[in-house]
Amino acid sequence: LELNRIEISPSTMIQPMTILRSVLSIQTTLSRFHPLLIEGHSRDTRDPAIVANQIVANIRRSWDDRNITKPPILITQGDPLTEKGISAITRIVASELGVKRCLV
């Protein structure tokens, strides 16, 4: 299995955001999406592009076997914005899959 390498660029570091302040608006907004959760360590020293490529390949295989009717959204927990670790990995995964991210 050969995977394309994904590079981190300034455009994947910062994205526009919407802040949802009420429980009702959060529930209404999230109910329109299929949640995608990726957990990891903020101090992971591995190359985030290599890790993200493997995650993307696994997600695509999984999605091929499922009937997902809503657009996916990647939910993250607010790790510090870094060039390595889960923060970098989730940005790359979202970019490669073309999905929005939700910070909780």
PDB file of N, CA and C in Angstrom:
ATOM      1  N   LEU A   1       0.851  -1.179   0.000  1.00  0.00           N
ATOM      2  CA  LEU A   1       0.000   0.000   0.000  1.00  0.00           C
ATOM      3  C   LEU A   1       0.891   1.235   0.000  1.00  0.00           C
ATOM      4  N   GLU A   2       0.784   2.035  -1.038  1.00  0.00           N
ATOM      5  CA  GLU A   2       1.574   3.263  -1.102  1.00  0.00           C
ATOM      6  C   GLU A   2       0.669   4.440  -0.781  1.00  0.00           C
ATOM      7  N   LEU A   3       1.127   5.309   0.114  1.00  0.00           N
ATOM      8  CA  LEU A   3       0.353   6.465   0.531  1.00  0.00           C
ATOM      9  C   LEU A   3       1.033   7.739   0.069  1.00  0.00           C
ATOM     10  N   ASN A   4       0.232   8.711  -0.350  1.00  0.00           N
ATOM     11  CA  ASN A   4       0.788  10.014  -0.701  1.00  0.00           C
ATOM     12  C   ASN A   4       1.184  10.741   0.569  1.00  0.00           C
ATOM     13  N   ARG A   5       2.272  11.452   0.517  1.00  0.00           N
ATOM     14  CA  ARG A   5       2.748  12.201   1.679  1.00  0.00           C
ATOM     15  C   ARG A   5       2.014  13.540   1.733  1.00  0.00           C
ATOM     16  N   ILE A   6       1.554  13.899   2.910  1.00  0.00           N
ATOM     17  CA  ILE A   6       0.851  15.158   3.117  1.00  0.00           C
ATOM     18  C   ILE A   6       1.773  16.079   3.886  1.00  0.00           C
ATOM     19  N   GLU A   7       1.948  17.285   3.420  1.00  0.00           N
ATOM     20  CA  GLU A   7       2.814  18.244   4.094  1.00  0.00           C
ATOM     21  C   GLU A   7       1.982  19.223   4.916  1.00  0.00           C
ATOM     22  N   ILE A   8       2.544  19.696   6.008  1.00  0.00           N
ATOM     23  CA  ILE A   8       1.903  20.730   6.812  1.00  0.00           C
ATOM     24  C   ILE A   8       2.270  22.072   6.202  1.00  0.00           C
ATOM     25  N   SER A   9       1.276  22.881   5.943  1.00  0.00           N
ATOM     26  CA  SER A   9       1.526  24.215   5.418  1.00  0.00           C
ATOM     27  C   SER A   9       0.796  25.228   6.283  1.00  0.00           C
ATOM     28  N   PRO A  10       1.142  26.504   6.158  1.00  0.00           N
ATOM     29  CA  PRO A  10       0.456  27.511   6.961  1.00  0.00           C
ATOM     30  C   PRO A  10      -1.058  27.495   6.772  1.00  0.00           C
ATOM     31  N   SER A  11      -1.533  27.112   5.594  1.00  0.00           N
ATOM     32  CA  SER A  11      -2.986  27.100   5.362  1.00  0.00           C
ATOM     33  C   SER A  11      -3.693  26.017   6.165  1.00  0.00           C
ATOM     34  N   THR A  12      -2.982  24.960   6.576  1.00  0.00           N
ATOM     35  CA  THR A  12      -3.624  23.932   7.402  1.00  0.00           C
ATOM     36  C   THR A  12      -3.508  24.258   8.878  1.00  0.00           C
ATOM     37  N   MET A  13      -2.750  25.286   9.226  1.00  0.00           N
ATOM     38  CA  MET A  13      -2.577  25.653  10.629  1.00  0.00           C
ATOM     39  C   MET A  13      -3.768  26.437  11.169  1.00  0.00           C
ATOM     40  N   ILE A  14      -4.328  27.353  10.378  1.00  0.00           N
ATOM     41  CA  ILE A  14      -5.392  28.226  10.861  1.00  0.00           C
ATOM     42  C   ILE A  14      -6.574  28.144   9.902  1.00  0.00           C
ATOM     43  N   GLN A  15      -7.754  27.936  10.466  1.00  0.00           N
ATOM     44  CA  GLN A  15      -8.969  27.885   9.666  1.00  0.00           C
ATOM     45  C   GLN A  15     -10.008  28.785  10.311  1.00  0.00           C
ATOM     46  N   PRO A  16     -10.958  29.310   9.502  1.00  0.00           N
ATOM     47  CA  PRO A  16     -12.023  30.124  10.095  1.00  0.00           C
ATOM     48  C   PRO A  16     -12.827  29.298  11.087  1.00  0.00           C
ATOM     49  N   MET A  17     -13.390  29.941  12.103  1.00  0.00           N
ATOM     50  CA  MET A  17     -14.150  29.196  13.090  1.00  0.00           C
ATOM     51  C   MET A  17     -15.456  29.895  13.438  1.00  0.00           C
ATOM     52  N   THR A  18     -16.407  29.094  13.886  1.00  0.00           N
ATOM     53  CA  THR A  18     -17.666  29.572  14.416  1.00  0.00           C
ATOM     54  C   THR A  18     -17.747  29.120  15.857  1.00  0.00           C
ATOM     55  N   ILE A  19     -18.103  30.021  16.749  1.00  0.00           N
ATOM     56  CA  ILE A  19     -18.217  29.670  18.161  1.00  0.00           C
ATOM     57  C   ILE A  19     -19.687  29.474  18.490  1.00  0.00           C
ATOM     58  N   LEU A  20     -20.018  28.256  18.956  1.00  0.00           N
ATOM     59  CA  LEU A  20     -21.385  27.939  19.365  1.00  0.00           C
ATOM     60  C   LEU A  20     -21.445  28.032  20.885  1.00  0.00           C
ATOM     61  N   ARG A  21     -22.328  28.862  21.392  1.00  0.00           N
ATOM     62  CA  ARG A  21     -22.331  29.128  22.829  1.00  0.00           C
ATOM     63  C   ARG A  21     -23.454  28.429  23.587  1.00  0.00           C
ATOM     64  N   SER A  22     -24.538  28.062  22.936  1.00  0.00           N
ATOM     65  CA  SER A  22     -25.638  27.436  23.670  1.00  0.00           C
ATOM     66  C   SER A  22     -25.680  25.939  23.383  1.00  0.00           C
ATOM     67  N   VAL A  23     -26.169  25.191  24.352  1.00  0.00           N
ATOM     68  CA  VAL A  23     -26.280  23.740  24.201  1.00  0.00           C
ATOM     69  C   VAL A  23     -27.174  23.405  23.008  1.00  0.00           C
ATOM     70  N   LEU A  24     -28.256  24.116  22.844  1.00  0.00           N
ATOM     71  CA  LEU A  24     -29.178  23.853  21.738  1.00  0.00           C
ATOM     72  C   LEU A  24     -28.494  24.067  20.386  1.00  0.00           C
ATOM     73  N   SER A  25     -27.729  25.134  20.248  1.00  0.00           N
ATOM     74  CA  SER A  25     -27.057  25.377  18.970  1.00  0.00           C
ATOM     75  C   SER A  25     -25.987  24.327  18.710  1.00  0.00           C
ATOM     76  N   ILE A  26     -25.330  23.860  19.770  1.00  0.00           N
ATOM     77  CA  ILE A  26     -24.323  22.803  19.611  1.00  0.00           C
ATOM     78  C   ILE A  26     -24.996  21.500  19.177  1.00  0.00           C
ATOM     79  N   GLN A  27     -26.068  21.124  19.854  1.00  0.00           N
ATOM     80  CA  GLN A  27     -26.781  19.891  19.511  1.00  0.00           C
ATOM     81  C   GLN A  27     -27.329  19.950  18.095  1.00  0.00           C
ATOM     82  N   THR A  28     -27.930  21.068  17.739  1.00  0.00           N
ATOM     83  CA  THR A  28     -28.514  21.216  16.398  1.00  0.00           C
ATOM     84  C   THR A  28     -27.434  21.125  15.327  1.00  0.00           C
ATOM     85  N   THR A  29     -26.338  21.805  15.559  1.00  0.00           N
ATOM     86  CA  THR A  29     -25.250  21.803  14.579  1.00  0.00           C
ATOM     87  C   THR A  29     -24.633  20.420  14.437  1.00  0.00           C
ATOM     88  N   LEU A  30     -24.282  19.786  15.552  1.00  0.00           N
ATOM     89  CA  LEU A  30     -23.614  18.488  15.485  1.00  0.00           C
ATOM     90  C   LEU A  30     -24.518  17.366  14.987  1.00  0.00           C
ATOM     91  N   SER A  31     -25.822  17.502  15.151  1.00  0.00           N
ATOM     92  CA  SER A  31     -26.733  16.451  14.702  1.00  0.00           C
ATOM     93  C   SER A  31     -26.742  16.305  13.176  1.00  0.00           C
ATOM     94  N   ARG A  32     -26.225  17.290  12.482  1.00  0.00           N
ATOM     95  CA  ARG A  32     -26.179  17.237  11.014  1.00  0.00           C
ATOM     96  C   ARG A  32     -24.951  16.502  10.476  1.00  0.00           C
ATOM     97  N   PHE A  33     -24.068  16.062  11.379  1.00  0.00           N
ATOM     98  CA  PHE A  33     -22.797  15.462  10.972  1.00  0.00           C
ATOM     99  C   PHE A  33     -22.612  14.057  11.535  1.00  0.00           C
ATOM    100  N   HIS A  34     -21.741  13.298  10.877  1.00  0.00           N
ATOM    101  CA  HIS A  34     -21.269  12.005  11.370  1.00  0.00           C
ATOM    102  C   HIS A  34     -19.961  12.283  12.111  1.00  0.00           C
ATOM    103  N   PRO A  35     -19.893  12.016  13.427  1.00  0.00           N
ATOM    104  CA  PRO A  35     -18.689  12.358  14.179  1.00  0.00           C
ATOM    105  C   PRO A  35     -17.505  11.445  13.866  1.00  0.00           C
ATOM    106  N   LEU A  36     -16.340  12.049  13.761  1.00  0.00           N
ATOM    107  CA  LEU A  36     -15.088  11.332  13.582  1.00  0.00           C
ATOM    108  C   LEU A  36     -14.169  11.790  14.706  1.00  0.00           C
ATOM    109  N   LEU A  37     -13.809  10.873  15.587  1.00  0.00           N
ATOM    110  CA  LEU A  37     -12.957  11.198  16.730  1.00  0.00           C
ATOM    111  C   LEU A  37     -11.592  10.550  16.548  1.00  0.00           C
ATOM    112  N   ILE A  38     -10.547  11.336  16.710  1.00  0.00           N
ATOM    113  CA  ILE A  38      -9.182  10.824  16.641  1.00  0.00           C
ATOM    114  C   ILE A  38      -8.490  11.259  17.918  1.00  0.00           C
ATOM    115  N   GLU A  39      -8.009  10.298  18.667  1.00  0.00           N
ATOM    116  CA  GLU A  39      -7.359  10.591  19.940  1.00  0.00           C
ATOM    117  C   GLU A  39      -5.869  10.336  19.806  1.00  0.00           C
ATOM    118  N   GLY A  40      -5.085  11.139  20.467  1.00  0.00           N
ATOM    119  CA  GLY A  40      -3.644  10.958  20.438  1.00  0.00           C
ATOM    120  C   GLY A  40      -2.981  11.845  21.466  1.00  0.00           C
ATOM    121  N   HIS A  41      -1.676  11.791  21.501  1.00  0.00           N
ATOM    122  CA  HIS A  41      -0.911  12.535  22.496  1.00  0.00           C
ATOM    123  C   HIS A  41      -0.356  13.821  21.893  1.00  0.00           C
ATOM    124  N   SER A  42      -0.412  14.886  22.653  1.00  0.00           N
ATOM    125  CA  SER A  42       0.094  16.174  22.165  1.00  0.00           C
ATOM    126  C   SER A  42       1.614  16.176  22.022  1.00  0.00           C
ATOM    127  N   ARG A  43       2.299  15.266  22.721  1.00  0.00           N
ATOM    128  CA  ARG A  43       3.763  15.218  22.660  1.00  0.00           C
ATOM    129  C   ARG A  43       4.286  14.110  21.749  1.00  0.00           C
ATOM    130  N   ASP A  44       3.454  13.630  20.847  1.00  0.00           N
ATOM    131  CA  ASP A  44       3.872  12.603  19.886  1.00  0.00           C
ATOM    132  C   ASP A  44       4.963  13.206  18.998  1.00  0.00           C
ATOM    133  N   THR A  45       6.110  12.559  18.925  1.00  0.00           N
ATOM    134  CA  THR A  45       7.241  13.106  18.164  1.00  0.00           C
ATOM    135  C   THR A  45       7.355  12.535  16.753  1.00  0.00           C
ATOM    136  N   ARG A  46       6.458  11.617  16.400  1.00  0.00           N
ATOM    137  CA  ARG A  46       6.510  11.036  15.050  1.00  0.00           C
ATOM    138  C   ARG A  46       6.149  12.093  14.006  1.00  0.00           C
ATOM    139  N   ASP A  47       6.540  11.851  12.782  1.00  0.00           N
ATOM    140  CA  ASP A  47       6.190  12.739  11.670  1.00  0.00           C
ATOM    141  C   ASP A  47       4.672  12.720  11.513  1.00  0.00           C
ATOM    142  N   PRO A  48       3.998  13.846  11.711  1.00  0.00           N
ATOM    143  CA  PRO A  48       2.538  13.847  11.663  1.00  0.00           C
ATOM    144  C   PRO A  48       1.973  13.466  10.301  1.00  0.00           C
ATOM    145  N   ALA A  49       2.698  13.755   9.237  1.00  0.00           N
ATOM    146  CA  ALA A  49       2.212  13.404   7.900  1.00  0.00           C
ATOM    147  C   ALA A  49       2.154  11.890   7.712  1.00  0.00           C
ATOM    148  N   ILE A  50       3.146  11.180   8.226  1.00  0.00           N
ATOM    149  CA  ILE A  50       3.157   9.715   8.104  1.00  0.00           C
ATOM    150  C   ILE A  50       2.012   9.112   8.909  1.00  0.00           C
ATOM    151  N   VAL A  51       1.833   9.589  10.149  1.00  0.00           N
ATOM    152  CA  VAL A  51       0.743   9.099  10.994  1.00  0.00           C
ATOM    153  C   VAL A  51      -0.605   9.426  10.356  1.00  0.00           C
ATOM    154  N   ALA A  52      -0.764  10.656   9.882  1.00  0.00           N
ATOM    155  CA  ALA A  52      -2.028  11.076   9.269  1.00  0.00           C
ATOM    156  C   ALA A  52      -2.346  10.249   8.027  1.00  0.00           C
ATOM    157  N   ASN A  53      -1.339   9.940   7.225  1.00  0.00           N
ATOM    158  CA  ASN A  53      -1.563   9.117   6.027  1.00  0.00           C
ATOM    159  C   ASN A  53      -2.132   7.755   6.396  1.00  0.00           C
ATOM    160  N   GLN A  54      -1.604   7.144   7.441  1.00  0.00           N
ATOM    161  CA  GLN A  54      -2.089   5.827   7.868  1.00  0.00           C
ATOM    162  C   GLN A  54      -3.525   5.933   8.385  1.00  0.00           C
ATOM    163  N   ILE A  55      -3.801   6.977   9.161  1.00  0.00           N
ATOM    164  CA  ILE A  55      -5.155   7.184   9.685  1.00  0.00           C
ATOM    165  C   ILE A  55      -6.139   7.390   8.541  1.00  0.00           C
ATOM    166  N   VAL A  56      -5.776   8.210   7.572  1.00  0.00           N
ATOM    167  CA  VAL A  56      -6.654   8.477   6.419  1.00  0.00           C
ATOM    168  C   VAL A  56      -6.938   7.182   5.659  1.00  0.00           C
ATOM    169  N   ALA A  57      -5.918   6.377   5.439  1.00  0.00           N
ATOM    170  CA  ALA A  57      -6.113   5.102   4.727  1.00  0.00           C
ATOM    171  C   ALA A  57      -7.075   4.196   5.493  1.00  0.00           C
ATOM    172  N   ASN A  58      -6.909   4.125   6.823  1.00  0.00           N
ATOM    173  CA  ASN A  58      -7.802   3.293   7.642  1.00  0.00           C
ATOM    174  C   ASN A  58      -9.226   3.827   7.645  1.00  0.00           C
ATOM    175  N   ILE A  59      -9.390   5.136   7.738  1.00  0.00           N
ATOM    176  CA  ILE A  59     -10.733   5.734   7.720  1.00  0.00           C
ATOM    177  C   ILE A  59     -11.419   5.468   6.393  1.00  0.00           C
ATOM    178  N   ARG A  60     -10.710   5.657   5.301  1.00  0.00           N
ATOM    179  CA  ARG A  60     -11.319   5.424   3.975  1.00  0.00           C
ATOM    180  C   ARG A  60     -11.756   3.971   3.818  1.00  0.00           C
ATOM    181  N   ARG A  61     -10.934   3.037   4.289  1.00  0.00           N
ATOM    182  CA  ARG A  61     -11.332   1.620   4.231  1.00  0.00           C
ATOM    183  C   ARG A  61     -12.577   1.385   5.064  1.00  0.00           C
ATOM    184  N   SER A  62     -12.626   1.965   6.245  1.00  0.00           N
ATOM    185  CA  SER A  62     -13.774   1.815   7.135  1.00  0.00           C
ATOM    186  C   SER A  62     -15.030   2.422   6.515  1.00  0.00           C
ATOM    187  N   TRP A  63     -14.901   3.613   5.955  1.00  0.00           N
ATOM    188  CA  TRP A  63     -16.065   4.282   5.360  1.00  0.00           C
ATOM    189  C   TRP A  63     -16.579   3.540   4.137  1.00  0.00           C
ATOM    190  N   ASP A  64     -15.687   2.859   3.421  1.00  0.00           N
ATOM    191  CA  ASP A  64     -16.123   2.073   2.259  1.00  0.00           C
ATOM    192  C   ASP A  64     -17.082   0.964   2.678  1.00  0.00           C
ATOM    193  N   ASP A  65     -16.951   0.477   3.911  1.00  0.00           N
ATOM    194  CA  ASP A  65     -17.781  -0.617   4.414  1.00  0.00           C
ATOM    195  C   ASP A  65     -19.057  -0.138   5.090  1.00  0.00           C
ATOM    196  N   ARG A  66     -19.232   1.166   5.231  1.00  0.00           N
ATOM    197  CA  ARG A  66     -20.389   1.704   5.958  1.00  0.00           C
ATOM    198  C   ARG A  66     -21.231   2.601   5.059  1.00  0.00           C
ATOM    199  N   ASN A  67     -22.472   2.749   5.432  1.00  0.00           N
ATOM    200  CA  ASN A  67     -23.366   3.647   4.714  1.00  0.00           C
ATOM    201  C   ASN A  67     -23.511   4.929   5.536  1.00  0.00           C
ATOM    202  N   ILE A  68     -22.565   5.833   5.383  1.00  0.00           N
ATOM    203  CA  ILE A  68     -22.592   7.096   6.127  1.00  0.00           C
ATOM    204  C   ILE A  68     -23.437   8.083   5.328  1.00  0.00           C
ATOM    205  N   THR A  69     -24.528   8.535   5.939  1.00  0.00           N
ATOM    206  CA  THR A  69     -25.471   9.405   5.227  1.00  0.00           C
ATOM    207  C   THR A  69     -25.281  10.885   5.535  1.00  0.00           C
ATOM    208  N   LYS A  70     -24.512  11.187   6.573  1.00  0.00           N
ATOM    209  CA  LYS A  70     -24.269  12.590   6.933  1.00  0.00           C
ATOM    210  C   LYS A  70     -22.817  12.933   6.627  1.00  0.00           C
ATOM    211  N   PRO A  71     -22.531  14.207   6.382  1.00  0.00           N
ATOM    212  CA  PRO A  71     -21.125  14.568   6.172  1.00  0.00           C
ATOM    213  C   PRO A  71     -20.338  14.391   7.470  1.00  0.00           C
ATOM    214  N   PRO A  72     -19.124  13.872   7.381  1.00  0.00           N
ATOM    215  CA  PRO A  72     -18.326  13.689   8.589  1.00  0.00           C
ATOM    216  C   PRO A  72     -17.789  15.017   9.114  1.00  0.00           C
ATOM    217  N   ILE A  73     -17.552  15.061  10.418  1.00  0.00           N
ATOM    218  CA  ILE A  73     -16.875  16.190  11.057  1.00  0.00           C
ATOM    219  C   ILE A  73     -15.867  15.616  12.045  1.00  0.00           C
ATOM    220  N   LEU A  74     -14.659  16.140  12.006  1.00  0.00           N
ATOM    221  CA  LEU A  74     -13.605  15.665  12.892  1.00  0.00           C
ATOM    222  C   LEU A  74     -13.665  16.467  14.190  1.00  0.00           C
ATOM    223  N   ILE A  75     -13.858  15.785  15.302  1.00  0.00           N
ATOM    224  CA  ILE A  75     -13.990  16.433  16.599  1.00  0.00           C
ATOM    225  C   ILE A  75     -12.681  16.291  17.357  1.00  0.00           C
ATOM    226  N   THR A  76     -12.128  17.430  17.773  1.00  0.00           N
ATOM    227  CA  THR A  76     -10.876  17.433  18.532  1.00  0.00           C
ATOM    228  C   THR A  76     -11.095  18.129  19.868  1.00  0.00           C
ATOM    229  N   GLN A  77     -10.156  17.907  20.791  1.00  0.00           N
ATOM    230  CA  GLN A  77     -10.355  18.401  22.148  1.00  0.00           C
ATOM    231  C   GLN A  77      -9.582  19.660  22.493  1.00  0.00           C
ATOM    232  N   GLY A  78      -8.977  20.301  21.548  1.00  0.00           N
ATOM    233  CA  GLY A  78      -8.337  21.575  21.833  1.00  0.00           C
ATOM    234  C   GLY A  78      -6.895  21.491  22.262  1.00  0.00           C
ATOM    235  N   ASP A  79      -6.161  20.528  21.714  1.00  0.00           N
ATOM    236  CA  ASP A  79      -4.734  20.443  22.010  1.00  0.00           C
ATOM    237  C   ASP A  79      -4.022  21.673  21.455  1.00  0.00           C
ATOM    238  N   PRO A  80      -2.885  22.036  22.041  1.00  0.00           N
ATOM    239  CA  PRO A  80      -2.155  23.222  21.573  1.00  0.00           C
ATOM    240  C   PRO A  80      -1.804  23.108  20.090  1.00  0.00           C
ATOM    241  N   LEU A  81      -1.852  24.220  19.394  1.00  0.00           N
ATOM    242  CA  LEU A  81      -1.520  24.272  17.974  1.00  0.00           C
ATOM    243  C   LEU A  81      -0.015  24.079  17.818  1.00  0.00           C
ATOM    244  N   THR A  82       0.382  22.909  17.326  1.00  0.00           N
ATOM    245  CA  THR A  82       1.797  22.574  17.194  1.00  0.00           C
ATOM    246  C   THR A  82       2.067  21.956  15.834  1.00  0.00           C
ATOM    247  N   GLU A  83       3.336  21.841  15.503  1.00  0.00           N
ATOM    248  CA  GLU A  83       3.725  21.233  14.232  1.00  0.00           C
ATOM    249  C   GLU A  83       3.842  19.718  14.322  1.00  0.00           C
ATOM    250  N   LYS A  84       3.801  19.174  15.525  1.00  0.00           N
ATOM    251  CA  LYS A  84       3.821  17.720  15.734  1.00  0.00           C
ATOM    252  C   LYS A  84       2.744  17.380  16.738  1.00  0.00           C
ATOM    253  N   GLY A  85       2.495  16.094  16.938  1.00  0.00           N
ATOM    254  CA  GLY A  85       1.489  15.664  17.900  1.00  0.00           C
ATOM    255  C   GLY A  85       0.098  15.606  17.288  1.00  0.00           C
ATOM    256  N   ILE A  86      -0.881  15.324  18.135  1.00  0.00           N
ATOM    257  CA  ILE A  86      -2.247  15.100  17.671  1.00  0.00           C
ATOM    258  C   ILE A  86      -2.843  16.325  16.995  1.00  0.00           C
ATOM    259  N   SER A  87      -2.469  17.508  17.431  1.00  0.00           N
ATOM    260  CA  SER A  87      -2.974  18.735  16.815  1.00  0.00           C
ATOM    261  C   SER A  87      -2.598  18.792  15.334  1.00  0.00           C
ATOM    262  N   ALA A  88      -1.349  18.506  15.030  1.00  0.00           N
ATOM    263  CA  ALA A  88      -0.888  18.504  13.636  1.00  0.00           C
ATOM    264  C   ALA A  88      -1.518  17.356  12.852  1.00  0.00           C
ATOM    265  N   ILE A  89      -1.624  16.199  13.483  1.00  0.00           N
ATOM    266  CA  ILE A  89      -2.183  15.019  12.820  1.00  0.00           C
ATOM    267  C   ILE A  89      -3.636  15.260  12.418  1.00  0.00           C
ATOM    268  N   THR A  90      -4.442  15.782  13.337  1.00  0.00           N
ATOM    269  CA  THR A  90      -5.856  15.985  13.025  1.00  0.00           C
ATOM    270  C   THR A  90      -6.063  17.059  11.962  1.00  0.00           C
ATOM    271  N   ARG A  91      -5.212  18.075  11.939  1.00  0.00           N
ATOM    272  CA  ARG A  91      -5.329  19.083  10.874  1.00  0.00           C
ATOM    273  C   ARG A  91      -5.073  18.462   9.508  1.00  0.00           C
ATOM    274  N   ILE A  92      -4.068  17.610   9.435  1.00  0.00           N
ATOM    275  CA  ILE A  92      -3.741  16.964   8.161  1.00  0.00           C
ATOM    276  C   ILE A  92      -4.855  16.009   7.746  1.00  0.00           C
ATOM    277  N   VAL A  93      -5.358  15.218   8.687  1.00  0.00           N
ATOM    278  CA  VAL A  93      -6.432  14.266   8.383  1.00  0.00           C
ATOM    279  C   VAL A  93      -7.662  15.020   7.855  1.00  0.00           C
ATOM    280  N   ALA A  94      -8.054  16.086   8.535  1.00  0.00           N
ATOM    281  CA  ALA A  94      -9.220  16.863   8.097  1.00  0.00           C
ATOM    282  C   ALA A  94      -9.006  17.431   6.707  1.00  0.00           C
ATOM    283  N   SER A  95      -7.815  17.937   6.463  1.00  0.00           N
ATOM    284  CA  SER A  95      -7.518  18.512   5.155  1.00  0.00           C
ATOM    285  C   SER A  95      -7.559  17.445   4.056  1.00  0.00           C
ATOM    286  N   GLU A  96      -6.929  16.298   4.313  1.00  0.00           N
ATOM    287  CA  GLU A  96      -6.876  15.222   3.319  1.00  0.00           C
ATOM    288  C   GLU A  96      -8.266  14.655   3.019  1.00  0.00           C
ATOM    289  N   LEU A  97      -9.101  14.525   4.057  1.00  0.00           N
ATOM    290  CA  LEU A  97     -10.454  13.980   3.862  1.00  0.00           C
ATOM    291  C   LEU A  97     -11.443  15.055   3.400  1.00  0.00           C
ATOM    292  N   GLY A  98     -11.042  16.320   3.488  1.00  0.00           N
ATOM    293  CA  GLY A  98     -11.939  17.409   3.107  1.00  0.00           C
ATOM    294  C   GLY A  98     -13.099  17.569   4.064  1.00  0.00           C
ATOM    295  N   VAL A  99     -12.854  17.361   5.369  1.00  0.00           N
ATOM    296  CA  VAL A  99     -13.921  17.461   6.364  1.00  0.00           C
ATOM    297  C   VAL A  99     -13.659  18.658   7.279  1.00  0.00           C
ATOM    298  N   LYS A 100     -14.731  19.162   7.864  1.00  0.00           N
ATOM    299  CA  LYS A 100     -14.627  20.244   8.828  1.00  0.00           C
ATOM    300  C   LYS A 100     -14.153  19.685  10.157  1.00  0.00           C
ATOM    301  N   ARG A 101     -13.616  20.588  10.987  1.00  0.00           N
ATOM    302  CA  ARG A 101     -13.186  20.205  12.323  1.00  0.00           C
ATOM    303  C   ARG A 101     -14.046  20.924  13.357  1.00  0.00           C
ATOM    304  N   CYS A 102     -14.254  20.270  14.475  1.00  0.00           N
ATOM    305  CA  CYS A 102     -15.013  20.828  15.590  1.00  0.00           C
ATOM    306  C   CYS A 102     -14.144  20.738  16.831  1.00  0.00           C
ATOM    307  N   LEU A 103     -13.907  21.858  17.454  1.00  0.00           N
ATOM    308  CA  LEU A 103     -13.095  21.924  18.657  1.00  0.00           C
ATOM    309  C   LEU A 103     -14.014  21.952  19.868  1.00  0.00           C
ATOM    310  N   VAL A 104     -13.787  21.018  20.794  1.00  0.00           N
ATOM    311  CA  VAL A 104     -14.602  20.981  22.021  1.00  0.00           C
ATOM    312  C   VAL A 104     -13.740  21.262  23.231  1.00  0.00           C
TER     313      VAL A 104
END
